[in-house]
N, C-alpha and C. Protein backbone atom coordinates (compact mmCIF):
# COMPACT_ATOMS: atom_id res chain seq x y z
N MET A 1 -65.09 23.86 133.40
CA MET A 1 -65.91 23.18 132.40
C MET A 1 -67.28 23.89 132.32
N GLU A 2 -67.73 24.07 131.12
CA GLU A 2 -69.01 24.76 130.92
C GLU A 2 -70.18 23.86 131.27
N ASP A 3 -71.29 24.49 131.62
CA ASP A 3 -72.51 23.75 131.87
C ASP A 3 -73.01 23.17 130.56
N LEU A 4 -73.62 22.01 130.62
CA LEU A 4 -74.08 21.32 129.42
C LEU A 4 -75.59 21.33 129.32
N ILE A 5 -76.06 21.30 128.07
CA ILE A 5 -77.49 21.24 127.78
C ILE A 5 -77.73 20.09 126.82
N ILE A 6 -78.69 19.24 127.16
CA ILE A 6 -79.07 18.13 126.30
C ILE A 6 -80.03 18.67 125.25
N LEU A 7 -79.70 18.47 124.00
CA LEU A 7 -80.56 18.91 122.90
C LEU A 7 -81.75 17.97 122.81
N GLU A 8 -82.97 18.55 122.90
CA GLU A 8 -84.17 17.73 122.90
C GLU A 8 -84.94 17.78 121.59
N SER A 9 -85.15 18.98 121.04
CA SER A 9 -85.94 19.06 119.82
C SER A 9 -85.62 20.32 119.04
N VAL A 10 -85.93 20.24 117.74
CA VAL A 10 -85.82 21.38 116.84
C VAL A 10 -87.16 21.51 116.15
N ILE A 11 -87.82 22.64 116.37
CA ILE A 11 -89.11 22.90 115.74
C ILE A 11 -88.99 24.24 115.04
N GLY A 12 -88.80 24.18 113.73
CA GLY A 12 -88.55 25.42 112.99
C GLY A 12 -87.26 26.04 113.51
N PRO A 13 -87.28 27.34 113.80
CA PRO A 13 -86.06 27.98 114.31
C PRO A 13 -85.93 27.87 115.83
N GLN A 14 -86.86 27.20 116.50
CA GLN A 14 -86.83 27.09 117.95
C GLN A 14 -86.23 25.75 118.36
N ILE A 15 -85.25 25.82 119.26
CA ILE A 15 -84.66 24.59 119.77
C ILE A 15 -84.91 24.52 121.27
N THR A 16 -85.09 23.32 121.76
CA THR A 16 -85.32 23.12 123.18
C THR A 16 -84.28 22.14 123.72
N GLY A 17 -83.99 22.30 124.98
CA GLY A 17 -83.03 21.42 125.63
C GLY A 17 -83.28 21.38 127.12
N MET A 18 -82.46 20.58 127.80
CA MET A 18 -82.55 20.48 129.25
C MET A 18 -81.19 20.77 129.85
N ASP A 19 -81.15 21.71 130.77
CA ASP A 19 -79.92 22.07 131.47
C ASP A 19 -79.53 20.90 132.36
N CYS A 20 -78.35 20.33 132.14
CA CYS A 20 -77.90 19.16 132.90
C CYS A 20 -77.69 19.47 134.38
N GLU A 21 -77.35 20.69 134.71
CA GLU A 21 -77.08 21.04 136.10
C GLU A 21 -78.37 21.24 136.89
N THR A 22 -79.34 21.96 136.31
CA THR A 22 -80.55 22.32 137.05
C THR A 22 -81.76 21.47 136.71
N GLY A 23 -81.74 20.83 135.53
CA GLY A 23 -82.90 20.07 135.08
C GLY A 23 -83.95 20.94 134.42
N ASP A 24 -83.69 22.25 134.33
CA ASP A 24 -84.62 23.18 133.70
C ASP A 24 -84.65 22.99 132.19
N HIS A 25 -85.84 23.16 131.62
CA HIS A 25 -85.96 23.13 130.17
C HIS A 25 -85.68 24.53 129.65
N VAL A 26 -84.90 24.62 128.59
CA VAL A 26 -84.51 25.90 128.02
C VAL A 26 -84.88 25.94 126.55
N ILE A 27 -85.16 27.14 126.07
CA ILE A 27 -85.57 27.35 124.68
C ILE A 27 -84.80 28.53 124.12
N THR A 28 -84.40 28.43 122.87
CA THR A 28 -83.79 29.55 122.18
C THR A 28 -84.20 29.49 120.71
N VAL A 29 -84.01 30.59 120.02
CA VAL A 29 -84.33 30.67 118.60
C VAL A 29 -83.02 30.85 117.84
N VAL A 30 -82.87 30.10 116.75
CA VAL A 30 -81.64 30.13 115.96
C VAL A 30 -81.98 30.40 114.49
N THR A 31 -80.94 30.61 113.71
CA THR A 31 -81.15 30.79 112.27
C THR A 31 -81.58 29.47 111.65
N ARG A 32 -82.12 29.55 110.47
CA ARG A 32 -82.56 28.34 109.76
C ARG A 32 -81.40 27.38 109.53
N GLU A 33 -80.23 27.92 109.17
CA GLU A 33 -79.06 27.08 108.92
C GLU A 33 -78.63 26.35 110.19
N ARG A 34 -78.63 27.07 111.31
CA ARG A 34 -78.25 26.44 112.59
C ARG A 34 -79.28 25.38 112.99
N ALA A 35 -80.55 25.66 112.75
CA ALA A 35 -81.60 24.68 113.05
C ALA A 35 -81.38 23.41 112.24
N TRP A 36 -80.98 23.55 110.97
CA TRP A 36 -80.71 22.36 110.15
C TRP A 36 -79.54 21.56 110.72
N GLU A 37 -78.50 22.27 111.17
CA GLU A 37 -77.33 21.59 111.75
C GLU A 37 -77.75 20.79 113.00
N LEU A 38 -78.53 21.44 113.85
CA LEU A 38 -78.95 20.78 115.09
C LEU A 38 -79.91 19.63 114.83
N GLN A 39 -80.79 19.79 113.84
CA GLN A 39 -81.69 18.69 113.48
C GLN A 39 -80.89 17.51 112.94
N ALA A 40 -79.84 17.80 112.19
CA ALA A 40 -78.97 16.73 111.69
C ALA A 40 -78.30 15.99 112.85
N MET A 41 -77.92 16.72 113.90
CA MET A 41 -77.33 16.08 115.09
C MET A 41 -78.34 15.13 115.73
N LEU A 42 -79.60 15.59 115.86
CA LEU A 42 -80.64 14.74 116.45
C LEU A 42 -80.91 13.51 115.58
N ASP A 43 -81.00 13.73 114.28
CA ASP A 43 -81.25 12.61 113.36
C ASP A 43 -80.13 11.59 113.41
N ASP A 44 -78.88 12.08 113.44
CA ASP A 44 -77.72 11.19 113.50
C ASP A 44 -77.73 10.38 114.79
N ALA A 45 -78.03 11.04 115.90
CA ALA A 45 -78.08 10.34 117.19
C ALA A 45 -79.16 9.28 117.17
N ASP A 46 -80.32 9.61 116.59
CA ASP A 46 -81.42 8.64 116.51
C ASP A 46 -81.03 7.45 115.63
N ASP A 47 -80.39 7.72 114.49
CA ASP A 47 -79.95 6.64 113.60
C ASP A 47 -78.95 5.73 114.30
N ARG A 48 -77.98 6.33 114.98
CA ARG A 48 -76.96 5.54 115.68
C ARG A 48 -77.58 4.71 116.79
N LEU A 49 -78.55 5.29 117.49
CA LEU A 49 -79.23 4.56 118.55
C LEU A 49 -79.98 3.37 117.98
N GLN A 50 -80.69 3.57 116.86
CA GLN A 50 -81.43 2.48 116.23
C GLN A 50 -80.50 1.37 115.78
N GLN A 51 -79.35 1.72 115.22
CA GLN A 51 -78.39 0.71 114.77
C GLN A 51 -77.83 -0.06 115.95
N THR A 52 -77.53 0.64 117.04
CA THR A 52 -76.96 0.00 118.22
C THR A 52 -77.95 -0.95 118.86
N VAL A 53 -79.19 -0.51 119.00
CA VAL A 53 -80.21 -1.37 119.60
C VAL A 53 -80.42 -2.61 118.75
N THR A 54 -80.43 -2.44 117.44
CA THR A 54 -80.62 -3.55 116.52
C THR A 54 -79.42 -4.50 116.56
N ASP A 55 -78.21 -3.94 116.64
CA ASP A 55 -77.00 -4.75 116.55
C ASP A 55 -76.66 -5.52 117.82
N ASP A 56 -76.55 -4.82 118.93
CA ASP A 56 -76.01 -5.52 120.10
C ASP A 56 -76.56 -5.08 121.46
N GLU A 57 -77.64 -4.35 121.49
CA GLU A 57 -78.24 -3.92 122.76
C GLU A 57 -77.23 -3.20 123.66
N SER A 58 -76.38 -2.39 123.08
CA SER A 58 -75.36 -1.64 123.81
C SER A 58 -75.99 -0.55 124.66
N ASP A 59 -75.28 -0.14 125.71
CA ASP A 59 -75.74 0.94 126.58
C ASP A 59 -75.16 2.29 126.18
N GLU A 60 -74.57 2.40 124.98
CA GLU A 60 -73.98 3.67 124.56
C GLU A 60 -75.05 4.76 124.49
N ASP A 61 -74.65 5.98 124.87
CA ASP A 61 -75.56 7.11 124.85
C ASP A 61 -75.19 8.03 123.70
N PHE A 62 -76.12 8.26 122.80
CA PHE A 62 -75.87 9.11 121.64
C PHE A 62 -76.61 10.44 121.73
N THR A 63 -77.05 10.82 122.91
CA THR A 63 -77.79 12.05 123.11
C THR A 63 -76.91 13.25 122.77
N PRO A 64 -77.38 14.12 121.86
CA PRO A 64 -76.59 15.31 121.53
C PRO A 64 -76.55 16.27 122.73
N VAL A 65 -75.34 16.68 123.09
CA VAL A 65 -75.14 17.59 124.20
C VAL A 65 -74.35 18.80 123.71
N LEU A 66 -74.80 19.98 124.09
CA LEU A 66 -74.14 21.23 123.73
C LEU A 66 -73.74 21.96 125.00
N THR A 67 -72.71 22.80 124.91
CA THR A 67 -72.42 23.68 126.03
C THR A 67 -73.44 24.81 125.99
N LYS A 68 -73.58 25.51 127.11
CA LYS A 68 -74.52 26.63 127.13
C LYS A 68 -74.16 27.67 126.09
N SER A 69 -72.87 27.93 125.89
CA SER A 69 -72.48 28.94 124.90
C SER A 69 -72.82 28.48 123.48
N GLU A 70 -72.74 27.18 123.20
CA GLU A 70 -73.15 26.68 121.89
C GLU A 70 -74.67 26.76 121.73
N PHE A 71 -75.39 26.40 122.77
CA PHE A 71 -76.85 26.39 122.71
C PHE A 71 -77.41 27.79 122.52
N PHE A 72 -76.87 28.74 123.26
CA PHE A 72 -77.36 30.11 123.21
C PHE A 72 -76.52 31.01 122.29
N ARG A 73 -75.78 30.39 121.39
CA ARG A 73 -74.89 31.12 120.48
C ARG A 73 -75.65 32.20 119.70
N LYS A 74 -75.10 33.39 119.71
CA LYS A 74 -75.71 34.49 118.97
C LYS A 74 -75.29 34.38 117.50
N GLU A 75 -76.28 34.38 116.63
CA GLU A 75 -76.02 34.31 115.20
C GLU A 75 -75.91 35.73 114.64
N VAL A 76 -74.98 35.94 113.75
CA VAL A 76 -74.82 37.26 113.14
C VAL A 76 -75.25 37.21 111.70
C-alpha cells in the first residue's frame, strides 16, 4: 500500500499536504487544471462536512487523501 498524504490547501498552482506516515508537511506545484481538480476535492469535502454536522453530528471523515504518487504526479 502506498503512503498517503492528506490534502491541506491549494494556493494557486501550489498544493500542500501532510504525510500520514511521518507527519511532515509537503508542498508541490501542479498545473492550473490539476489545482482546480484538487480545490474541487477540498470544496466538496468541506460541503459534505458542513452538511453532516448540520444534519446529524456524524463522525464521518471527509478529508481528501491522496497517495504520494498522486500528490507528486508529474504533469506533461
